[in-house]
Each structure stands twice: as structure tokens, then as C-alpha cells.
Amino acid sequence: MKHVLVLLLTRLQNHKTDKFKKGFVNFSYYYMALEKEGTGPDAYWDLYETVQAGLFVTFLKSIWLTEAQKVSGRIERKTCAVALIRLLTGCKKVTEGTNFDAVW
């Protein structure tokens, strides 16, 4: 999964289009909203940290939170809400306070 994420991040950095950005953000929210083993906010945070330390917090601040206001569609908005709620309440890195200050 790390190699796929690196490809997506490279595409996002080099050829950013609104359609790709929207799809990437929706995929991110969907991945964090899933309740299967190996998914969720902790797994997604760890995946970003394997690429580069501090990358998850950077994306959270610069892309996901700003794009959350622009999510359209009933199902996409629900997925976004569930993902952000799971991030705030179910992510060990946030609830245990290890990286909570970095996020806020």
C-alpha cells in the first residue's frame, strides 16, 4: 500500500487537478471510515508516517480539513463525517495525546 500512496502523492504534487484532488480526499475519508482490520485512522496515519515523518499532520491541516467543507454528495459527506469523528475519537495518536498538539 505504501507504493500506491507514494504514486498518488506524486501525482497530487506534480499534476494536481480538482477532480483528482476530490477523488483522493474522498478515498482518504473512506479509508479512515472503514472498520476493518488494517484500515481506519491509525492505519492511515501509520501509512503516511512510513512515507515521511509528519506527513499525515501536514495533509490533515492543508488538504483534508480544507476540503471537508467542499465535499458534495450525501454519501460522501457522511463518509467525511464518520472519518473525521473516527479520527478525533478513535485514533490512538489523538486520544493518547502523542500527536494531539501537532494536529491542533
PDB file of N, CA and C in Angstrom:
ATOM      1  N   MET A   1       0.826  -1.192   0.000  1.00  0.00           N
ATOM      2  CA  MET A   1       0.000   0.000   0.000  1.00  0.00           C
ATOM      3  C   MET A   1       0.872   1.259   0.000  1.00  0.00           C
ATOM      4  N   LYS A   2       2.075   1.146   0.565  1.00  0.00           N
ATOM      5  CA  LYS A   2       2.955   2.313   0.620  1.00  0.00           C
ATOM      6  C   LYS A   2       3.300   2.806  -0.787  1.00  0.00           C
ATOM      7  N   HIS A   3       3.560   1.876  -1.706  1.00  0.00           N
ATOM      8  CA  HIS A   3       3.937   2.263  -3.058  1.00  0.00           C
ATOM      9  C   HIS A   3       2.782   2.956  -3.781  1.00  0.00           C
ATOM     10  N   VAL A   4       1.567   2.489  -3.537  1.00  0.00           N
ATOM     11  CA  VAL A   4       0.392   3.125  -4.131  1.00  0.00           C
ATOM     12  C   VAL A   4       0.237   4.542  -3.586  1.00  0.00           C
ATOM     13  N   LEU A   5       0.417   4.704  -2.296  1.00  0.00           N
ATOM     14  CA  LEU A   5       0.315   6.029  -1.687  1.00  0.00           C
ATOM     15  C   LEU A   5       1.372   6.971  -2.243  1.00  0.00           C
ATOM     16  N   VAL A   6       2.584   6.476  -2.418  1.00  0.00           N
ATOM     17  CA  VAL A   6       3.647   7.318  -2.982  1.00  0.00           C
ATOM     18  C   VAL A   6       3.284   7.758  -4.393  1.00  0.00           C
ATOM     19  N   LEU A   7       2.730   6.857  -5.197  1.00  0.00           N
ATOM     20  CA  LEU A   7       2.305   7.219  -6.548  1.00  0.00           C
ATOM     21  C   LEU A   7       1.199   8.278  -6.520  1.00  0.00           C
ATOM     22  N   LEU A   8       0.234   8.091  -5.639  1.00  0.00           N
ATOM     23  CA  LEU A   8      -0.859   9.062  -5.536  1.00  0.00           C
ATOM     24  C   LEU A   8      -0.353  10.418  -5.065  1.00  0.00           C
ATOM     25  N   LEU A   9       0.546  10.423  -4.101  1.00  0.00           N
ATOM     26  CA  LEU A   9       1.085  11.691  -3.603  1.00  0.00           C
ATOM     27  C   LEU A   9       1.934  12.391  -4.662  1.00  0.00           C
ATOM     28  N   THR A  10       2.687  11.600  -5.437  1.00  0.00           N
ATOM     29  CA  THR A  10       3.476  12.179  -6.520  1.00  0.00           C
ATOM     30  C   THR A  10       2.567  12.803  -7.562  1.00  0.00           C
ATOM     31  N   ARG A  11       1.500  12.103  -7.905  1.00  0.00           N
ATOM     32  CA  ARG A  11       0.521  12.640  -8.872  1.00  0.00           C
ATOM     33  C   ARG A  11      -0.136  13.895  -8.323  1.00  0.00           C
ATOM     34  N   LEU A  12      -0.452  13.898  -7.057  1.00  0.00           N
ATOM     35  CA  LEU A  12      -1.080  15.058  -6.431  1.00  0.00           C
ATOM     36  C   LEU A  12      -0.138  16.254  -6.424  1.00  0.00           C
ATOM     37  N   GLN A  13       1.135  16.012  -6.230  1.00  0.00           N
ATOM     38  CA  GLN A  13       2.107  17.104  -6.180  1.00  0.00           C
ATOM     39  C   GLN A  13       2.428  17.649  -7.573  1.00  0.00           C
ATOM     40  N   ASN A  14       2.569  16.769  -8.549  1.00  0.00           N
ATOM     41  CA  ASN A  14       3.037  17.201  -9.868  1.00  0.00           C
ATOM     42  C   ASN A  14       1.926  17.642 -10.815  1.00  0.00           C
ATOM     43  N   HIS A  15       0.785  16.985 -10.768  1.00  0.00           N
ATOM     44  CA  HIS A  15      -0.302  17.272 -11.702  1.00  0.00           C
ATOM     45  C   HIS A  15      -1.632  17.383 -10.967  1.00  0.00           C
ATOM     46  N   LYS A  16      -1.722  18.342 -10.074  1.00  0.00           N
ATOM     47  CA  LYS A  16      -2.912  18.492  -9.245  1.00  0.00           C
ATOM     48  C   LYS A  16      -4.076  19.045 -10.078  1.00  0.00           C
ATOM     49  N   THR A  17      -5.142  18.282 -10.156  1.00  0.00           N
ATOM     50  CA  THR A  17      -6.377  18.761 -10.763  1.00  0.00           C
ATOM     51  C   THR A  17      -7.466  18.685  -9.702  1.00  0.00           C
ATOM     52  N   ASP A  18      -8.507  19.465  -9.870  1.00  0.00           N
ATOM     53  CA  ASP A  18      -9.588  19.453  -8.882  1.00  0.00           C
ATOM     54  C   ASP A  18     -10.251  18.083  -8.798  1.00  0.00           C
ATOM     55  N   LYS A  19     -10.412  17.431  -9.941  1.00  0.00           N
ATOM     56  CA  LYS A  19     -11.061  16.121  -9.963  1.00  0.00           C
ATOM     57  C   LYS A  19     -10.211  15.080  -9.223  1.00  0.00           C
ATOM     58  N   PHE A  20      -8.901  15.072  -9.464  1.00  0.00           N
ATOM     59  CA  PHE A  20      -8.028  14.119  -8.777  1.00  0.00           C
ATOM     60  C   PHE A  20      -7.974  14.414  -7.286  1.00  0.00           C
ATOM     61  N   LYS A  21      -7.881  15.687  -6.937  1.00  0.00           N
ATOM     62  CA  LYS A  21      -7.829  16.076  -5.523  1.00  0.00           C
ATOM     63  C   LYS A  21      -9.094  15.638  -4.791  1.00  0.00           C
ATOM     64  N   LYS A  22     -10.236  15.843  -5.434  1.00  0.00           N
ATOM     65  CA  LYS A  22     -11.510  15.439  -4.836  1.00  0.00           C
ATOM     66  C   LYS A  22     -11.567  13.924  -4.651  1.00  0.00           C
ATOM     67  N   GLY A  23     -11.128  13.175  -5.658  1.00  0.00           N
ATOM     68  CA  GLY A  23     -11.122  11.723  -5.564  1.00  0.00           C
ATOM     69  C   GLY A  23     -10.167  11.220  -4.496  1.00  0.00           C
ATOM     70  N   PHE A  24      -9.005  11.850  -4.407  1.00  0.00           N
ATOM     71  CA  PHE A  24      -8.018  11.464  -3.406  1.00  0.00           C
ATOM     72  C   PHE A  24      -8.534  11.729  -1.998  1.00  0.00           C
ATOM     73  N   VAL A  25      -9.151  12.861  -1.802  1.00  0.00           N
ATOM     74  CA  VAL A  25      -9.703  13.215  -0.490  1.00  0.00           C
ATOM     75  C   VAL A  25     -10.838  12.260  -0.123  1.00  0.00           C
ATOM     76  N   ASN A  26     -11.722  11.965  -1.059  1.00  0.00           N
ATOM     77  CA  ASN A  26     -12.820  11.033  -0.782  1.00  0.00           C
ATOM     78  C   ASN A  26     -12.288   9.639  -0.461  1.00  0.00           C
ATOM     79  N   PHE A  27     -11.252   9.194  -1.186  1.00  0.00           N
ATOM     80  CA  PHE A  27     -10.632   7.902  -0.881  1.00  0.00           C
ATOM     81  C   PHE A  27     -10.052   7.915   0.529  1.00  0.00           C
ATOM     82  N   SER A  28      -9.394   8.994   0.903  1.00  0.00           N
ATOM     83  CA  SER A  28      -8.790   9.100   2.236  1.00  0.00           C
ATOM     84  C   SER A  28      -9.850   9.008   3.322  1.00  0.00           C
ATOM     85  N   TYR A  29     -10.940   9.729   3.143  1.00  0.00           N
ATOM     86  CA  TYR A  29     -12.025   9.675   4.125  1.00  0.00           C
ATOM     87  C   TYR A  29     -12.620   8.273   4.201  1.00  0.00           C
ATOM     88  N   TYR A  30     -12.796   7.642   3.049  1.00  0.00           N
ATOM     89  CA  TYR A  30     -13.359   6.292   3.028  1.00  0.00           C
ATOM     90  C   TYR A  30     -12.447   5.318   3.767  1.00  0.00           C
ATOM     91  N   TYR A  31     -11.150   5.412   3.525  1.00  0.00           N
ATOM     92  CA  TYR A  31     -10.180   4.521   4.167  1.00  0.00           C
ATOM     93  C   TYR A  31     -10.196   4.708   5.681  1.00  0.00           C
ATOM     94  N   MET A  32     -10.296   5.952   6.134  1.00  0.00           N
ATOM     95  CA  MET A  32     -10.317   6.203   7.582  1.00  0.00           C
ATOM     96  C   MET A  32     -11.644   5.811   8.208  1.00  0.00           C
ATOM     97  N   ALA A  33     -12.724   5.792   7.428  1.00  0.00           N
ATOM     98  CA  ALA A  33     -14.040   5.464   7.970  1.00  0.00           C
ATOM     99  C   ALA A  33     -14.270   3.956   8.087  1.00  0.00           C
ATOM    100  N   LEU A  34     -13.496   3.166   7.359  1.00  0.00           N
ATOM    101  CA  LEU A  34     -13.680   1.709   7.397  1.00  0.00           C
ATOM    102  C   LEU A  34     -13.369   1.145   8.777  1.00  0.00           C
ATOM    103  N   GLU A  35     -14.083   0.094   9.132  1.00  0.00           N
ATOM    104  CA  GLU A  35     -13.865  -0.553  10.424  1.00  0.00           C
ATOM    105  C   GLU A  35     -13.299  -1.952  10.266  1.00  0.00           C
ATOM    106  N   LYS A  36     -12.535  -2.184   9.216  1.00  0.00           N
ATOM    107  CA  LYS A  36     -11.897  -3.481   9.014  1.00  0.00           C
ATOM    108  C   LYS A  36     -10.465  -3.417   9.520  1.00  0.00           C
ATOM    109  N   GLU A  37      -9.924  -4.575   9.847  1.00  0.00           N
ATOM    110  CA  GLU A  37      -8.554  -4.632  10.343  1.00  0.00           C
ATOM    111  C   GLU A  37      -7.588  -4.138   9.259  1.00  0.00           C
ATOM    112  N   GLY A  38      -6.672  -3.292   9.661  1.00  0.00           N
ATOM    113  CA  GLY A  38      -5.710  -2.728   8.716  1.00  0.00           C
ATOM    114  C   GLY A  38      -6.175  -1.436   8.074  1.00  0.00           C
ATOM    115  N   THR A  39      -7.355  -0.961   8.457  1.00  0.00           N
ATOM    116  CA  THR A  39      -7.851   0.315   7.955  1.00  0.00           C
ATOM    117  C   THR A  39      -8.183   1.204   9.145  1.00  0.00           C
ATOM    118  N   GLY A  40      -8.668   2.369   8.875  1.00  0.00           N
ATOM    119  CA  GLY A  40      -9.021   3.297   9.935  1.00  0.00           C
ATOM    120  C   GLY A  40      -7.977   4.384  10.072  1.00  0.00           C
ATOM    121  N   PRO A  41      -8.224   5.328  10.953  1.00  0.00           N
ATOM    122  CA  PRO A  41      -7.325   6.476  11.074  1.00  0.00           C
ATOM    123  C   PRO A  41      -5.929   6.111  11.570  1.00  0.00           C
ATOM    124  N   ASP A  42      -5.814   5.157  12.476  1.00  0.00           N
ATOM    125  CA  ASP A  42      -4.481   4.767  12.958  1.00  0.00           C
ATOM    126  C   ASP A  42      -3.651   4.150  11.837  1.00  0.00           C
ATOM    127  N   ALA A  43      -4.264   3.256  11.075  1.00  0.00           N
ATOM    128  CA  ALA A  43      -3.549   2.603   9.977  1.00  0.00           C
ATOM    129  C   ALA A  43      -3.165   3.617   8.905  1.00  0.00           C
ATOM    130  N   TYR A  44      -4.064   4.545   8.611  1.00  0.00           N
ATOM    131  CA  TYR A  44      -3.780   5.556   7.583  1.00  0.00           C
ATOM    132  C   TYR A  44      -2.683   6.504   8.068  1.00  0.00           C
ATOM    133  N   TRP A  45      -2.721   6.874   9.326  1.00  0.00           N
ATOM    134  CA  TRP A  45      -1.678   7.735   9.903  1.00  0.00           C
ATOM    135  C   TRP A  45      -0.328   7.034   9.796  1.00  0.00           C
ATOM    136  N   ASP A  46      -0.277   5.759  10.193  1.00  0.00           N
ATOM    137  CA  ASP A  46       0.967   4.999  10.135  1.00  0.00           C
ATOM    138  C   ASP A  46       1.480   4.855   8.706  1.00  0.00           C
ATOM    139  N   LEU A  47       0.565   4.682   7.771  1.00  0.00           N
ATOM    140  CA  LEU A  47       0.948   4.568   6.363  1.00  0.00           C
ATOM    141  C   LEU A  47       1.642   5.850   5.891  1.00  0.00           C
ATOM    142  N   TYR A  48       1.102   6.986   6.246  1.00  0.00           N
ATOM    143  CA  TYR A  48       1.710   8.263   5.870  1.00  0.00           C
ATOM    144  C   TYR A  48       3.057   8.453   6.569  1.00  0.00           C
ATOM    145  N   GLU A  49       3.158   8.002   7.794  1.00  0.00           N
ATOM    146  CA  GLU A  49       4.410   8.162   8.524  1.00  0.00           C
ATOM    147  C   GLU A  49       5.523   7.281   7.948  1.00  0.00           C
ATOM    148  N   THR A  50       5.175   6.171   7.284  1.00  0.00           N
ATOM    149  CA  THR A  50       6.199   5.361   6.636  1.00  0.00           C
ATOM    150  C   THR A  50       6.762   6.052   5.408  1.00  0.00           C
ATOM    151  N   VAL A  51       5.982   6.918   4.801  1.00  0.00           N
ATOM    152  CA  VAL A  51       6.461   7.676   3.641  1.00  0.00           C
ATOM    153  C   VAL A  51       7.375   8.808   4.103  1.00  0.00           C
ATOM    154  N   GLN A  52       6.888   9.587   5.072  1.00  0.00           N
ATOM    155  CA  GLN A  52       7.681  10.705   5.606  1.00  0.00           C
ATOM    156  C   GLN A  52       7.119  11.084   6.969  1.00  0.00           C
ATOM    157  N   ALA A  53       7.991  11.314   7.913  1.00  0.00           N
ATOM    158  CA  ALA A  53       7.561  11.695   9.261  1.00  0.00           C
ATOM    159  C   ALA A  53       6.846  13.046   9.220  1.00  0.00           C
ATOM    160  N   GLY A  54       5.690  13.108   9.858  1.00  0.00           N
ATOM    161  CA  GLY A  54       4.929  14.343   9.931  1.00  0.00           C
ATOM    162  C   GLY A  54       4.045  14.613   8.727  1.00  0.00           C
ATOM    163  N   LEU A  55       4.019  13.704   7.758  1.00  0.00           N
ATOM    164  CA  LEU A  55       3.240  13.930   6.538  1.00  0.00           C
ATOM    165  C   LEU A  55       1.737  13.894   6.791  1.00  0.00           C
ATOM    166  N   PHE A  56       1.294  13.021   7.691  1.00  0.00           N
ATOM    167  CA  PHE A  56      -0.141  12.920   7.958  1.00  0.00           C
ATOM    168  C   PHE A  56      -0.684  14.226   8.524  1.00  0.00           C
ATOM    169  N   VAL A  57       0.004  14.796   9.475  1.00  0.00           N
ATOM    170  CA  VAL A  57      -0.454  16.048  10.097  1.00  0.00           C
ATOM    171  C   VAL A  57      -0.455  17.168   9.060  1.00  0.00           C
ATOM    172  N   THR A  58       0.546  17.196   8.197  1.00  0.00           N
ATOM    173  CA  THR A  58       0.599  18.205   7.136  1.00  0.00           C
ATOM    174  C   THR A  58      -0.597  18.082   6.212  1.00  0.00           C
ATOM    175  N   PHE A  59      -0.916  16.857   5.796  1.00  0.00           N
ATOM    176  CA  PHE A  59      -2.073  16.656   4.928  1.00  0.00           C
ATOM    177  C   PHE A  59      -3.376  16.956   5.646  1.00  0.00           C
ATOM    178  N   LEU A  60      -3.445  16.610   6.908  1.00  0.00           N
ATOM    179  CA  LEU A  60      -4.648  16.886   7.679  1.00  0.00           C
ATOM    180  C   LEU A  60      -4.933  18.381   7.714  1.00  0.00           C
ATOM    181  N   LYS A  61      -3.910  19.161   7.994  1.00  0.00           N
ATOM    182  CA  LYS A  61      -4.084  20.611   8.094  1.00  0.00           C
ATOM    183  C   LYS A  61      -4.309  21.258   6.735  1.00  0.00           C
ATOM    184  N   SER A  62      -3.525  20.879   5.746  1.00  0.00           N
ATOM    185  CA  SER A  62      -3.532  21.614   4.485  1.00  0.00           C
ATOM    186  C   SER A  62      -4.569  21.131   3.474  1.00  0.00           C
ATOM    187  N   ILE A  63      -4.933  19.860   3.511  1.00  0.00           N
ATOM    188  CA  ILE A  63      -5.830  19.354   2.471  1.00  0.00           C
ATOM    189  C   ILE A  63      -7.141  18.828   3.037  1.00  0.00           C
ATOM    190  N   TRP A  64      -7.074  17.855   3.937  1.00  0.00           N
ATOM    191  CA  TRP A  64      -8.306  17.189   4.350  1.00  0.00           C
ATOM    192  C   TRP A  64      -9.275  18.105   5.077  1.00  0.00           C
ATOM    193  N   LEU A  65      -8.794  18.925   5.975  1.00  0.00           N
ATOM    194  CA  LEU A  65      -9.711  19.809   6.703  1.00  0.00           C
ATOM    195  C   LEU A  65     -10.263  20.912   5.807  1.00  0.00           C
ATOM    196  N   THR A  66      -9.456  21.425   4.902  1.00  0.00           N
ATOM    197  CA  THR A  66      -9.952  22.466   3.999  1.00  0.00           C
ATOM    198  C   THR A  66     -10.912  21.887   2.968  1.00  0.00           C
ATOM    199  N   GLU A  67     -10.648  20.674   2.515  1.00  0.00           N
ATOM    200  CA  GLU A  67     -11.514  20.052   1.516  1.00  0.00           C
ATOM    201  C   GLU A  67     -12.794  19.477   2.127  1.00  0.00           C
ATOM    202  N   ALA A  68     -12.820  19.283   3.421  1.00  0.00           N
ATOM    203  CA  ALA A  68     -14.015  18.735   4.070  1.00  0.00           C
ATOM    204  C   ALA A  68     -15.222  19.649   3.862  1.00  0.00           C
ATOM    205  N   GLN A  69     -14.975  20.931   3.774  1.00  0.00           N
ATOM    206  CA  GLN A  69     -16.064  21.889   3.559  1.00  0.00           C
ATOM    207  C   GLN A  69     -16.604  21.820   2.141  1.00  0.00           C
ATOM    208  N   LYS A  70     -15.825  21.283   1.214  1.00  0.00           N
ATOM    209  CA  LYS A  70     -16.205  21.253  -0.194  1.00  0.00           C
ATOM    210  C   LYS A  70     -16.777  19.916  -0.637  1.00  0.00           C
ATOM    211  N   VAL A  71     -16.814  18.932   0.263  1.00  0.00           N
ATOM    212  CA  VAL A  71     -17.315  17.612  -0.111  1.00  0.00           C
ATOM    213  C   VAL A  71     -18.792  17.719  -0.442  1.00  0.00           C
ATOM    214  N   SER A  72     -19.155  17.186  -1.602  1.00  0.00           N
ATOM    215  CA  SER A  72     -20.556  17.228  -2.020  1.00  0.00           C
ATOM    216  C   SER A  72     -21.056  15.796  -2.197  1.00  0.00           C
ATOM    217  N   GLY A  73     -22.318  15.651  -2.167  1.00  0.00           N
ATOM    218  CA  GLY A  73     -22.919  14.327  -2.269  1.00  0.00           C
ATOM    219  C   GLY A  73     -23.265  13.808  -0.884  1.00  0.00           C
ATOM    220  N   ARG A  74     -24.418  13.212  -0.788  1.00  0.00           N
ATOM    221  CA  ARG A  74     -24.923  12.750   0.504  1.00  0.00           C
ATOM    222  C   ARG A  74     -24.022  11.684   1.129  1.00  0.00           C
ATOM    223  N   ILE A  75     -23.643  10.688   0.355  1.00  0.00           N
ATOM    224  CA  ILE A  75     -22.829   9.598   0.883  1.00  0.00           C
ATOM    225  C   ILE A  75     -21.414  10.082   1.190  1.00  0.00           C
ATOM    226  N   GLU A  76     -20.862  10.922   0.325  1.00  0.00           N
ATOM    227  CA  GLU A  76     -19.516  11.442   0.540  1.00  0.00           C
ATOM    228  C   GLU A  76     -19.439  12.286   1.805  1.00  0.00           C
ATOM    229  N   ARG A  77     -20.471  13.083   2.057  1.00  0.00           N
ATOM    230  CA  ARG A  77     -20.484  13.911   3.274  1.00  0.00           C
ATOM    231  C   ARG A  77     -20.584  13.045   4.530  1.00  0.00           C
ATOM    232  N   LYS A  78     -21.380  11.983   4.465  1.00  0.00           N
ATOM    233  CA  LYS A  78     -21.476  11.073   5.605  1.00  0.00           C
ATOM    234  C   LYS A  78     -20.142  10.368   5.844  1.00  0.00           C
ATOM    235  N   THR A  79     -19.505   9.936   4.768  1.00  0.00           N
ATOM    236  CA  THR A  79     -18.200   9.282   4.890  1.00  0.00           C
ATOM    237  C   THR A  79     -17.185  10.231   5.494  1.00  0.00           C
ATOM    238  N   CYS A  80     -17.202  11.477   5.060  1.00  0.00           N
ATOM    239  CA  CYS A  80     -16.299  12.501   5.593  1.00  0.00           C
ATOM    240  C   CYS A  80     -16.550  12.695   7.086  1.00  0.00           C
ATOM    241  N   ALA A  81     -17.805  12.787   7.475  1.00  0.00           N
ATOM    242  CA  ALA A  81     -18.143  12.990   8.884  1.00  0.00           C
ATOM    243  C   ALA A  81     -17.702  11.802   9.735  1.00  0.00           C
ATOM    244  N   VAL A  82     -17.964  10.598   9.264  1.00  0.00           N
ATOM    245  CA  VAL A  82     -17.565   9.402  10.007  1.00  0.00           C
ATOM    246  C   VAL A  82     -16.045   9.337  10.135  1.00  0.00           C
ATOM    247  N   ALA A  83     -15.332   9.626   9.060  1.00  0.00           N
ATOM    248  CA  ALA A  83     -13.863   9.576   9.087  1.00  0.00           C
ATOM    249  C   ALA A  83     -13.292  10.580  10.080  1.00  0.00           C
ATOM    250  N   LEU A  84     -13.792  11.802  10.063  1.00  0.00           N
ATOM    251  CA  LEU A  84     -13.268  12.819  10.973  1.00  0.00           C
ATOM    252  C   LEU A  84     -13.632  12.509  12.426  1.00  0.00           C
ATOM    253  N   ILE A  85     -14.821  11.961  12.642  1.00  0.00           N
ATOM    254  CA  ILE A  85     -15.214  11.563  14.004  1.00  0.00           C
ATOM    255  C   ILE A  85     -14.343  10.412  14.488  1.00  0.00           C
ATOM    256  N   ARG A  86     -14.099   9.435  13.617  1.00  0.00           N
ATOM    257  CA  ARG A  86     -13.213   8.319  13.992  1.00  0.00           C
ATOM    258  C   ARG A  86     -11.807   8.810  14.266  1.00  0.00           C
ATOM    259  N   LEU A  87     -11.364   9.810  13.504  1.00  0.00           N
ATOM    260  CA  LEU A  87     -10.035  10.373  13.724  1.00  0.00           C
ATOM    261  C   LEU A  87      -9.954  11.037  15.091  1.00  0.00           C
ATOM    262  N   LEU A  88     -10.969  11.796  15.452  1.00  0.00           N
ATOM    263  CA  LEU A  88     -10.963  12.523  16.728  1.00  0.00           C
ATOM    264  C   LEU A  88     -11.208  11.631  17.938  1.00  0.00           C
ATOM    265  N   THR A  89     -12.013  10.595  17.769  1.00  0.00           N
ATOM    266  CA  THR A  89     -12.396   9.790  18.926  1.00  0.00           C
ATOM    267  C   THR A  89     -11.769   8.416  18.971  1.00  0.00           C
ATOM    268  N   GLY A  90     -11.350   7.875  17.832  1.00  0.00           N
ATOM    269  CA  GLY A  90     -10.860   6.512  17.815  1.00  0.00           C
ATOM    270  C   GLY A  90      -9.395   6.351  17.501  1.00  0.00           C
ATOM    271  N   CYS A  91      -8.754   7.421  17.113  1.00  0.00           N
ATOM    272  CA  CYS A  91      -7.341   7.344  16.758  1.00  0.00           C
ATOM    273  C   CYS A  91      -6.498   7.426  18.022  1.00  0.00           C
ATOM    274  N   LYS A  92      -5.685   6.414  18.260  1.00  0.00           N
ATOM    275  CA  LYS A  92      -4.878   6.366  19.489  1.00  0.00           C
ATOM    276  C   LYS A  92      -3.879   7.513  19.561  1.00  0.00           C
ATOM    277  N   LYS A  93      -3.370   7.921  18.422  1.00  0.00           N
ATOM    278  CA  LYS A  93      -2.400   9.013  18.418  1.00  0.00           C
ATOM    279  C   LYS A  93      -3.029  10.335  18.855  1.00  0.00           C
ATOM    280  N   VAL A  94      -4.310  10.483  18.626  1.00  0.00           N
ATOM    281  CA  VAL A  94      -5.011  11.696  19.060  1.00  0.00           C
ATOM    282  C   VAL A  94      -5.505  11.552  20.488  1.00  0.00           C
ATOM    283  N   THR A  95      -6.138  10.424  20.798  1.00  0.00           N
ATOM    284  CA  THR A  95      -6.727  10.263  22.129  1.00  0.00           C
ATOM    285  C   THR A  95      -5.682  10.082  23.216  1.00  0.00           C
ATOM    286  N   GLU A  96      -4.536   9.503  22.893  1.00  0.00           N
ATOM    287  CA  GLU A  96      -3.482   9.339  23.883  1.00  0.00           C
ATOM    288  C   GLU A  96      -2.600  10.574  23.997  1.00  0.00           C
ATOM    289  N   GLY A  97      -2.774  11.493  23.084  1.00  0.00           N
ATOM    290  CA  GLY A  97      -2.075  12.764  23.176  1.00  0.00           C
ATOM    291  C   GLY A  97      -0.670  12.786  22.620  1.00  0.00           C
ATOM    292  N   THR A  98      -0.247  11.724  21.929  1.00  0.00           N
ATOM    293  CA  THR A  98       1.123  11.699  21.421  1.00  0.00           C
ATOM    294  C   THR A  98       1.342  12.746  20.333  1.00  0.00           C
ATOM    295  N   ASN A  99       0.354  12.931  19.472  1.00  0.00           N
ATOM    296  CA  ASN A  99       0.482  13.911  18.397  1.00  0.00           C
ATOM    297  C   ASN A  99      -0.689  14.903  18.397  1.00  0.00           C
ATOM    298  N   PHE A 100      -1.403  14.968  19.487  1.00  0.00           N
ATOM    299  CA  PHE A 100      -2.591  15.816  19.528  1.00  0.00           C
ATOM    300  C   PHE A 100      -2.235  17.290  19.347  1.00  0.00           C
ATOM    301  N   ASP A 101      -1.179  17.742  19.985  1.00  0.00           N
ATOM    302  CA  ASP A 101      -0.787  19.150  19.848  1.00  0.00           C
ATOM    303  C   ASP A 101      -0.366  19.485  18.439  1.00  0.00           C
ATOM    304  N   ALA A 102       0.247  18.530  17.747  1.00  0.00           N
ATOM    305  CA  ALA A 102       0.678  18.777  16.377  1.00  0.00           C
ATOM    306  C   ALA A 102      -0.517  18.965  15.457  1.00  0.00           C
ATOM    307  N   VAL A 103      -1.603  18.261  15.731  1.00  0.00           N
ATOM    308  CA  VAL A 103      -2.795  18.371  14.874  1.00  0.00           C
ATOM    309  C   VAL A 103      -3.514  19.687  15.105  1.00  0.00           C
ATOM    310  N   TRP A 104      -3.635  20.123  16.335  1.00  0.00           N
ATOM    311  CA  TRP A 104      -4.379  21.335  16.630  1.00  0.00           C
ATOM    312  C   TRP A 104      -3.461  22.514  16.689  1.00  0.00           C
TER     313      TRP A 104
END
